[in-house]
């Protein structure tokens, strides 16, 4: 899942080399933290959060196949 989020984020941003995804295991959910260059934050979030919502939807659908729950957190500096 980490690679999925990383691939999507790299395709969206202007600074793909600065895309970082960290994974944290929780009790029932795996949290993926996405960090991008500050200039690219708006591109990852999108208008009214539509792009971020779409990424989260894909993550949820892919997680169903693995029978796990994933959440995406977009970090800003």
C-alpha atoms as a PDB file:
ATOM      1  CA  UNK A   1       0.000   0.000   0.000  1.00  0.00           C
ATOM      2  CA  UNK A   2       2.896   2.274   0.753  1.00  0.00           C
ATOM      3  CA  UNK A   3       4.100   1.922  -2.834  1.00  0.00           C
ATOM      4  CA  UNK A   4       0.619   2.668  -4.187  1.00  0.00           C
ATOM      5  CA  UNK A   5       0.376   5.981  -2.348  1.00  0.00           C
ATOM      6  CA  UNK A   6       3.954   6.857  -3.258  1.00  0.00           C
ATOM      7  CA  UNK A   7       3.368   6.179  -6.959  1.00  0.00           C
ATOM      8  CA  UNK A   8       0.180   8.261  -7.054  1.00  0.00           C
ATOM      9  CA  UNK A   9       1.793  11.156  -5.182  1.00  0.00           C
ATOM     10  CA  UNK A  10       4.899  11.151  -7.402  1.00  0.00           C
ATOM     11  CA  UNK A  11       2.685  11.422 -10.484  1.00  0.00           C
ATOM     12  CA  UNK A  12       0.912  14.491  -9.082  1.00  0.00           C
ATOM     13  CA  UNK A  13       3.753  16.644  -7.747  1.00  0.00           C
ATOM     14  CA  UNK A  14       6.498  18.822  -9.245  1.00  0.00           C
ATOM     15  CA  UNK A  15       9.151  17.529  -6.807  1.00  0.00           C
ATOM     16  CA  UNK A  16       8.748  13.709  -6.934  1.00  0.00           C
ATOM     17  CA  UNK A  17      12.099  13.138  -5.252  1.00  0.00           C
ATOM     18  CA  UNK A  18      10.753  14.667  -2.023  1.00  0.00           C
ATOM     19  CA  UNK A  19       7.744  12.352  -1.680  1.00  0.00           C
ATOM     20  CA  UNK A  20       7.970  10.275   1.495  1.00  0.00           C
ATOM     21  CA  UNK A  21       5.488   7.719   2.786  1.00  0.00           C
ATOM     22  CA  UNK A  22       5.807   6.240   6.265  1.00  0.00           C
ATOM     23  CA  UNK A  23       3.718   3.385   7.570  1.00  0.00           C
ATOM     24  CA  UNK A  24       2.568   2.975  11.166  1.00  0.00           C
ATOM     25  CA  UNK A  25       0.786  -0.113  12.427  1.00  0.00           C
ATOM     26  CA  UNK A  26      -2.150   0.388  14.754  1.00  0.00           C
ATOM     27  CA  UNK A  27      -4.468  -2.028  16.509  1.00  0.00           C
ATOM     28  CA  UNK A  28      -7.049  -2.200  13.733  1.00  0.00           C
ATOM     29  CA  UNK A  29      -5.795   0.231  11.124  1.00  0.00           C
ATOM     30  CA  UNK A  30      -2.539   0.971   9.331  1.00  0.00           C
ATOM     31  CA  UNK A  31      -1.755   4.679   9.081  1.00  0.00           C
ATOM     32  CA  UNK A  32       0.160   5.906   6.050  1.00  0.00           C
ATOM     33  CA  UNK A  33       1.751   9.330   6.438  1.00  0.00           C
ATOM     34  CA  UNK A  34       2.440  11.227   3.219  1.00  0.00           C
ATOM     35  CA  UNK A  35       4.947  14.056   3.218  1.00  0.00           C
ATOM     36  CA  UNK A  36       5.619  16.188   0.134  1.00  0.00           C
ATOM     37  CA  UNK A  37       7.448  19.401  -0.722  1.00  0.00           C
ATOM     38  CA  UNK A  38       5.530  22.411   0.693  1.00  0.00           C
ATOM     39  CA  UNK A  39       4.843  23.756  -2.821  1.00  0.00           C
ATOM     40  CA  UNK A  40       3.200  20.452  -3.793  1.00  0.00           C
ATOM     41  CA  UNK A  41       0.862  20.234  -0.813  1.00  0.00           C
ATOM     42  CA  UNK A  42      -2.015  21.832  -2.712  1.00  0.00           C
ATOM     43  CA  UNK A  43      -1.626  19.434  -5.623  1.00  0.00           C
ATOM     44  CA  UNK A  44      -1.876  16.403  -3.363  1.00  0.00           C
ATOM     45  CA  UNK A  45      -4.875  17.771  -1.471  1.00  0.00           C
ATOM     46  CA  UNK A  46      -6.675  19.225  -4.496  1.00  0.00           C
ATOM     47  CA  UNK A  47      -9.627  21.573  -4.599  1.00  0.00           C
ATOM     48  CA  UNK A  48     -11.785  21.113  -1.531  1.00  0.00           C
ATOM     49  CA  UNK A  49      -9.797  17.953  -0.767  1.00  0.00           C
ATOM     50  CA  UNK A  50     -11.033  16.048  -3.805  1.00  0.00           C
ATOM     51  CA  UNK A  51      -7.650  14.590  -4.772  1.00  0.00           C
ATOM     52  CA  UNK A  52      -6.911  13.504  -1.202  1.00  0.00           C
ATOM     53  CA  UNK A  53     -10.374  11.948  -0.967  1.00  0.00           C
ATOM     54  CA  UNK A  54      -9.793  10.060  -4.221  1.00  0.00           C
ATOM     55  CA  UNK A  55      -6.449   8.713  -2.963  1.00  0.00           C
ATOM     56  CA  UNK A  56      -8.120   7.619   0.281  1.00  0.00           C
ATOM     57  CA  UNK A  57     -10.879   5.894  -1.696  1.00  0.00           C
ATOM     58  CA  UNK A  58      -8.326   3.948  -3.748  1.00  0.00           C
ATOM     59  CA  UNK A  59      -6.479   3.053  -0.565  1.00  0.00           C
ATOM     60  CA  UNK A  60      -9.677   1.761   1.012  1.00  0.00           C
ATOM     61  CA  UNK A  61     -10.586  -0.300  -2.045  1.00  0.00           C
ATOM     62  CA  UNK A  62      -7.101  -1.808  -2.269  1.00  0.00           C
ATOM     63  CA  UNK A  63      -7.164  -2.495   1.465  1.00  0.00           C
ATOM     64  CA  UNK A  64     -10.364  -4.528   1.104  1.00  0.00           C
ATOM     65  CA  UNK A  65      -8.464  -6.942  -1.104  1.00  0.00           C
ATOM     66  CA  UNK A  66      -5.876  -7.441   1.650  1.00  0.00           C
ATOM     67  CA  UNK A  67      -8.562  -7.451   4.374  1.00  0.00           C
ATOM     68  CA  UNK A  68      -6.928  -4.519   6.160  1.00  0.00           C
ATOM     69  CA  UNK A  69      -7.962  -0.946   6.890  1.00  0.00           C
ATOM     70  CA  UNK A  70      -5.714   1.914   5.863  1.00  0.00           C
ATOM     71  CA  UNK A  71      -5.912   5.630   6.521  1.00  0.00           C
ATOM     72  CA  UNK A  72      -3.938   8.380   4.845  1.00  0.00           C
ATOM     73  CA  UNK A  73      -2.600  11.392   6.669  1.00  0.00           C
ATOM     74  CA  UNK A  74      -1.041  14.198   4.665  1.00  0.00           C
ATOM     75  CA  UNK A  75       1.612  15.929   6.736  1.00  0.00           C
ATOM     76  CA  UNK A  76       2.653  19.534   6.388  1.00  0.00           C
ATOM     77  CA  UNK A  77       5.751  21.180   7.835  1.00  0.00           C
END
